[in-house]
Amino acid sequence: MITEIKNILVALDLSEIDDTLISYAAFLSDVLQADKVYFVHNIKKYEIGELFEDELADINIEESIGEELNEKVASDFKGKAEWEVLISNDSYTESLIAYIVNKYAIHLTLVGSKNRVKGTGVVSGKLLRMLRCHILSIPRETVPKIEHIRVGTDFSSASRRSFSMAQVVGKAASAPVSAVHVYNVPLQFAPYLPKETLVPVVEKHTAEKGKKFMKKVPGSENIPLEIVPGRSSSIPETLTEYGKKKQTDLFFVSDKGGNTFSSLLVGSVTEELFNEDMHFPLWVCK
């Protein structure tokens, strides 16, 4: 897994969230000492429709939008890293972003959380699966700061990747890292065992498994683990509420995982987290 972030891609969609993405990219690129930040916008001409064809016949849309974004980034990007604006016209934004990630050796892609702001949004399950780099989803009006870092884990070997990246960022930002695991009581046993018996057994098993797992995580002696019951809420809802309650500035998860009592699989918890009304940035480790 890549833990050195040198090239960052920021997906812009000309909505209000672009301001947040540009300022956060400047902040994060300084924290991680990145070399270059690429800002990309994909123009979908077919969305303009026939209604404006005549009005736009003599206008070079790519050039006009490119000039506008260059001026915006030049004004709002306060980071030390070099930057470049890339404008394209592609029918499939996810495919375009995946192409740029490979071409420019991107280590981290920043996208706007599409849930709390009006805009086209570029986050999707397809994008999560296609990109071979880390993905960071940023809610609108996120304050560029990293003081409290959380890692969501399901105790799988795959989820250990998120600890490595979280510790790198934590060290760079001088921020403590803590971990959280959400467990659910297996419903298939509920009809046969009383809750008073089942819950303590699951809690004990989860706590023991957590201790064994954390011993295998390098540097985990300074990472506290909190085990949270899922109760009636889904795991994504529980993690979202937990992160909000704990005033989380950055939440890490891995793109794959899974065990008996919880799951952080893409297409499951990780993808569902993107669909939650998050109040903090979500970093998916690849």
Protein backbone atom coordinates (compact mmCIF):
# COMPACT_ATOMS: atom_id res chain seq x y z
CA MET A 1 0.00 0.00 0.00
CA ILE A 2 1.18 3.51 -0.84
CA THR A 3 1.76 5.63 2.27
CA GLU A 4 3.76 8.44 0.65
CA ILE A 5 1.39 10.96 -0.93
CA LYS A 6 3.21 13.00 -3.57
CA ASN A 7 0.64 13.49 -6.34
CA ILE A 8 -2.93 14.54 -5.49
CA LEU A 9 -5.94 14.74 -7.80
CA VAL A 10 -8.91 16.97 -6.97
CA ALA A 11 -12.19 16.45 -8.85
CA LEU A 12 -14.09 19.71 -9.36
CA ASP A 13 -17.65 20.04 -10.66
CA LEU A 14 -18.20 23.84 -10.68
CA SER A 15 -20.51 23.65 -7.67
CA GLU A 16 -20.17 25.33 -4.26
CA ILE A 17 -18.12 22.45 -2.90
CA ASP A 18 -15.17 23.38 -5.15
CA ASP A 19 -14.19 26.12 -2.70
CA THR A 20 -13.93 23.57 0.10
CA LEU A 21 -11.96 21.11 -2.05
CA ILE A 22 -9.41 23.69 -3.19
CA SER A 23 -8.73 25.00 0.32
CA TYR A 24 -8.57 21.48 1.80
CA ALA A 25 -6.23 20.33 -0.97
CA ALA A 26 -3.91 23.24 -0.18
CA PHE A 27 -3.94 22.38 3.52
CA LEU A 28 -3.44 18.62 3.03
CA SER A 29 -0.73 19.02 0.39
CA ASP A 30 1.27 21.09 2.88
CA VAL A 31 0.69 18.62 5.73
CA LEU A 32 1.81 15.67 3.58
CA GLN A 33 4.45 17.67 1.69
CA ALA A 34 3.01 16.68 -1.67
CA ASP A 35 4.81 17.61 -4.87
CA LYS A 36 1.89 18.41 -7.16
CA VAL A 37 -1.88 18.83 -7.09
CA TYR A 38 -3.97 18.27 -10.24
CA PHE A 39 -7.42 19.86 -10.45
CA VAL A 40 -9.65 18.14 -13.00
CA HIS A 41 -13.06 19.05 -14.36
CA ASN A 42 -14.97 16.96 -16.86
CA ILE A 43 -17.36 18.78 -19.21
CA LYS A 44 -20.33 16.70 -20.29
CA LYS A 45 -21.47 18.56 -23.39
CA TYR A 46 -24.44 16.26 -23.90
CA GLU A 47 -25.91 17.58 -20.65
CA ILE A 48 -26.06 21.06 -22.12
CA GLY A 49 -28.62 19.84 -24.62
CA GLU A 50 -29.86 21.29 -27.88
CA LEU A 51 -31.42 24.26 -26.11
CA PHE A 52 -28.12 26.14 -25.88
CA GLU A 53 -26.38 24.84 -29.00
CA ASP A 54 -26.79 28.10 -30.92
CA GLU A 55 -25.72 30.30 -27.99
CA LEU A 56 -22.58 28.23 -27.42
CA ALA A 57 -21.70 27.65 -31.08
CA ASP A 58 -18.98 30.30 -31.13
CA ILE A 59 -17.67 29.64 -27.62
CA ASN A 60 -14.82 27.30 -26.76
CA ILE A 61 -16.28 25.81 -23.59
CA GLU A 62 -13.13 23.93 -22.59
CA GLU A 63 -11.03 27.07 -22.91
CA SER A 64 -13.53 29.28 -21.08
CA ILE A 65 -13.96 26.89 -18.15
CA GLY A 66 -10.22 26.26 -18.08
CA GLU A 67 -9.50 29.97 -17.73
CA GLU A 68 -12.14 30.32 -15.02
CA LEU A 69 -10.79 27.42 -12.97
CA ASN A 70 -7.18 28.53 -13.39
CA GLU A 71 -8.11 31.95 -12.02
CA LYS A 72 -10.04 30.36 -9.14
CA VAL A 73 -7.26 27.97 -8.15
CA ALA A 74 -4.63 30.70 -8.47
CA SER A 75 -6.68 32.83 -6.10
CA ASP A 76 -7.77 30.19 -3.56
CA PHE A 77 -4.97 27.59 -3.48
CA LYS A 78 -2.54 28.65 -0.76
CA GLY A 79 -0.44 25.50 -0.68
CA LYS A 80 3.26 25.20 -1.46
CA ALA A 81 2.87 22.38 -3.99
CA GLU A 82 2.81 22.94 -7.72
CA TRP A 83 -0.63 22.70 -9.29
CA GLU A 84 -2.25 22.25 -12.69
CA VAL A 85 -5.80 22.43 -14.02
CA LEU A 86 -6.94 19.68 -16.40
CA ILE A 87 -10.09 20.11 -18.48
CA SER A 88 -11.66 17.28 -20.43
CA ASN A 89 -14.81 16.34 -22.31
CA ASP A 90 -15.69 12.74 -21.57
CA SER A 91 -19.00 10.94 -21.35
CA TYR A 92 -17.91 9.00 -18.27
CA THR A 93 -16.37 10.98 -15.43
CA GLU A 94 -15.32 7.89 -13.47
CA SER A 95 -13.38 6.51 -16.45
CA LEU A 96 -11.71 9.87 -17.00
CA ILE A 97 -10.61 10.13 -13.37
CA ALA A 98 -9.28 6.55 -13.45
CA TYR A 99 -7.30 7.39 -16.61
CA ILE A 100 -5.76 10.49 -15.02
CA VAL A 101 -4.92 8.57 -11.84
CA ASN A 102 -2.92 6.07 -13.89
CA LYS A 103 -1.34 8.61 -16.26
CA TYR A 104 -0.11 11.00 -13.60
CA ALA A 105 0.70 8.40 -10.91
CA ILE A 106 -1.86 9.85 -8.50
CA HIS A 107 -1.63 8.65 -4.89
CA LEU A 108 -4.76 10.34 -3.49
CA THR A 109 -7.97 11.59 -5.13
CA LEU A 110 -10.14 14.20 -3.40
CA VAL A 111 -13.84 14.27 -4.24
CA GLY A 112 -16.74 16.25 -2.85
CA SER A 113 -19.30 14.45 -0.73
CA LYS A 114 -22.41 14.62 -2.90
CA ASN A 115 -24.88 14.31 -0.04
CA ARG A 116 -24.85 17.76 1.55
CA VAL A 117 -24.40 20.03 -1.45
CA LYS A 118 -26.16 20.60 -4.74
CA GLY A 119 -23.88 19.54 -7.55
CA THR A 120 -23.27 16.70 -9.96
CA GLY A 121 -20.98 14.83 -7.58
CA VAL A 122 -18.42 12.29 -8.70
CA VAL A 123 -18.49 9.77 -5.88
CA SER A 124 -19.96 6.40 -6.71
CA GLY A 125 -19.44 2.75 -6.02
CA LYS A 126 -18.01 2.46 -9.51
CA LEU A 127 -15.37 5.09 -8.76
CA LEU A 128 -14.43 3.36 -5.52
CA ARG A 129 -13.82 0.14 -7.41
CA MET A 130 -12.03 1.66 -10.41
CA LEU A 131 -9.41 3.84 -8.75
CA ARG A 132 -6.11 2.31 -7.70
CA CYS A 133 -5.30 5.13 -5.31
CA HIS A 134 -6.59 6.38 -1.98
CA ILE A 135 -9.90 8.28 -2.12
CA LEU A 136 -10.84 11.11 0.24
CA SER A 137 -14.44 12.35 0.32
CA ILE A 138 -14.87 15.89 1.66
CA PRO A 139 -18.20 17.32 2.88
CA ARG A 140 -18.98 20.94 2.03
CA GLU A 141 -17.73 23.56 4.48
CA THR A 142 -15.19 21.16 5.99
CA VAL A 143 -12.68 23.14 8.04
CA PRO A 144 -9.12 22.31 6.91
CA LYS A 145 -7.72 20.88 10.14
CA ILE A 146 -6.60 17.49 11.45
CA GLU A 147 -6.69 17.18 15.24
CA HIS A 148 -8.66 13.95 15.77
CA ILE A 149 -8.14 10.90 13.53
CA ARG A 150 -10.30 7.76 13.75
CA VAL A 151 -9.85 4.40 12.05
CA GLY A 152 -12.78 2.08 11.43
CA THR A 153 -11.80 -1.57 11.60
CA ASP A 154 -13.48 -4.95 11.36
CA PHE A 155 -10.34 -6.78 12.57
CA SER A 156 -9.63 -8.18 9.11
CA SER A 157 -6.09 -8.25 7.70
CA ALA A 158 -7.22 -5.88 4.94
CA SER A 159 -8.29 -3.26 7.45
CA ARG A 160 -4.72 -3.02 8.79
CA ARG A 161 -3.86 -0.94 5.74
CA SER A 162 -5.94 1.95 7.04
CA PHE A 163 -3.90 2.02 10.27
CA SER A 164 -0.65 2.46 8.34
CA MET A 165 -1.97 5.43 6.39
CA ALA A 166 -3.69 6.96 9.42
CA GLN A 167 -0.44 6.85 11.38
CA VAL A 168 1.45 8.54 8.54
CA VAL A 169 -1.08 11.37 8.42
CA GLY A 170 -1.27 11.51 12.21
CA LYS A 171 2.49 11.93 12.49
CA ALA A 172 2.56 14.60 9.77
CA ALA A 173 -0.31 16.52 11.39
CA SER A 174 0.77 15.84 14.99
CA ALA A 175 -2.68 14.35 15.63
CA PRO A 176 -3.55 11.31 17.78
CA VAL A 177 -5.05 8.22 16.14
CA SER A 178 -7.77 6.07 17.70
CA ALA A 179 -9.71 3.08 16.40
CA VAL A 180 -13.35 2.03 16.51
CA HIS A 181 -15.07 -1.28 15.83
CA VAL A 182 -18.82 -1.72 15.50
CA TYR A 183 -20.27 -5.14 16.24
CA ASN A 184 -23.74 -6.54 15.69
CA VAL A 185 -25.30 -9.56 17.36
CA PRO A 186 -25.75 -12.27 14.68
CA LEU A 187 -29.45 -12.35 13.89
CA GLN A 188 -29.34 -16.03 12.95
CA PHE A 189 -28.78 -16.91 16.64
CA ALA A 190 -31.38 -14.53 18.06
CA PRO A 191 -34.38 -16.90 17.88
CA TYR A 192 -32.52 -19.63 19.78
CA LEU A 193 -30.65 -17.75 22.50
CA PRO A 194 -31.99 -15.10 24.89
CA LYS A 195 -30.51 -11.61 24.48
CA GLU A 196 -29.21 -11.66 28.05
CA THR A 197 -27.05 -14.64 27.13
CA LEU A 198 -26.11 -13.72 23.58
CA VAL A 199 -24.96 -10.11 24.01
CA PRO A 200 -22.32 -10.73 26.73
CA VAL A 201 -20.88 -13.62 24.72
CA VAL A 202 -20.57 -11.49 21.59
CA GLU A 203 -19.11 -8.58 23.57
CA LYS A 204 -16.47 -10.79 25.19
CA HIS A 205 -15.58 -12.46 21.90
CA THR A 206 -15.29 -9.08 20.17
CA ALA A 207 -13.09 -7.59 22.90
CA GLU A 208 -10.72 -10.58 22.80
CA LYS A 209 -10.54 -10.49 19.04
CA GLY A 210 -9.85 -6.75 19.15
CA LYS A 211 -6.89 -7.19 21.50
CA LYS A 212 -5.37 -9.91 19.30
CA PHE A 213 -5.88 -7.79 16.19
CA MET A 214 -4.34 -4.62 17.62
CA LYS A 215 -1.20 -6.55 18.64
CA LYS A 216 -0.63 -7.27 14.95
CA VAL A 217 -0.91 -3.59 13.98
CA PRO A 218 2.54 -1.92 13.94
CA GLY A 219 2.68 1.04 16.32
CA SER A 220 -0.70 0.20 17.84
CA GLU A 221 0.49 0.57 21.42
CA ASN A 222 -0.46 4.25 21.18
CA ILE A 223 -3.80 3.62 19.43
CA PRO A 224 -6.79 3.13 21.76
CA LEU A 225 -9.61 0.89 20.48
CA GLU A 226 -13.25 1.52 21.28
CA ILE A 227 -15.82 -1.21 20.65
CA VAL A 228 -19.31 0.07 19.90
CA PRO A 229 -22.54 -1.97 19.69
CA GLY A 230 -24.46 -1.55 16.45
CA ARG A 231 -27.80 -1.84 18.21
CA SER A 232 -30.69 -1.09 15.84
CA SER A 233 -28.68 1.18 13.53
CA SER A 234 -26.68 0.00 10.56
CA ILE A 235 -22.88 -0.02 10.82
CA PRO A 236 -22.51 3.02 8.50
CA GLU A 237 -25.06 4.97 10.55
CA THR A 238 -23.35 4.00 13.79
CA LEU A 239 -19.91 4.97 12.48
CA THR A 240 -21.25 8.28 11.17
CA GLU A 241 -22.85 9.17 14.49
CA TYR A 242 -19.76 8.03 16.37
CA GLY A 243 -17.48 10.14 14.20
CA LYS A 244 -19.69 13.18 14.61
CA LYS A 245 -19.97 12.74 18.39
CA LYS A 246 -16.20 12.38 18.74
CA GLN A 247 -15.56 15.53 16.64
CA THR A 248 -13.60 13.54 14.07
CA ASP A 249 -11.52 15.50 11.55
CA LEU A 250 -10.51 12.51 9.42
CA PHE A 251 -11.96 8.99 9.34
CA PHE A 252 -10.05 6.11 7.74
CA VAL A 253 -11.43 2.84 6.39
CA SER A 254 -10.02 0.18 4.07
CA ASP A 255 -11.59 -0.68 0.76
CA LYS A 256 -11.91 -4.36 1.68
CA GLY A 257 -12.50 -6.38 4.82
CA GLY A 258 -15.09 -8.54 6.48
CA ASN A 259 -15.74 -10.94 9.30
CA THR A 260 -18.60 -12.59 11.16
CA PHE A 261 -19.96 -9.60 13.03
CA SER A 262 -19.19 -6.65 10.74
CA SER A 263 -17.98 -5.74 7.29
CA LEU A 264 -15.99 -2.96 5.65
CA LEU A 265 -16.31 -4.25 2.12
CA VAL A 266 -16.58 -1.90 -0.83
CA GLY A 267 -20.18 -2.31 -1.92
CA SER A 268 -21.14 -2.62 1.72
CA VAL A 269 -20.11 -0.42 4.65
CA THR A 270 -17.50 1.68 2.87
CA GLU A 271 -19.78 2.47 -0.05
CA GLU A 272 -22.72 3.09 2.27
CA LEU A 273 -20.62 5.54 4.29
CA PHE A 274 -20.33 7.66 1.16
CA ASN A 275 -24.10 7.80 1.04
CA GLU A 276 -24.42 8.92 4.65
CA ASP A 277 -24.80 12.59 5.56
CA MET A 278 -21.25 12.78 6.85
CA HIS A 279 -19.88 15.72 8.79
CA PHE A 280 -16.23 14.72 8.42
CA PRO A 281 -13.84 13.66 5.63
CA LEU A 282 -13.73 9.95 4.82
CA TRP A 283 -10.44 8.44 3.59
CA VAL A 284 -10.69 5.07 1.83
CA CYS A 285 -7.32 3.30 1.81
CA LYS A 286 -6.35 1.23 -1.19
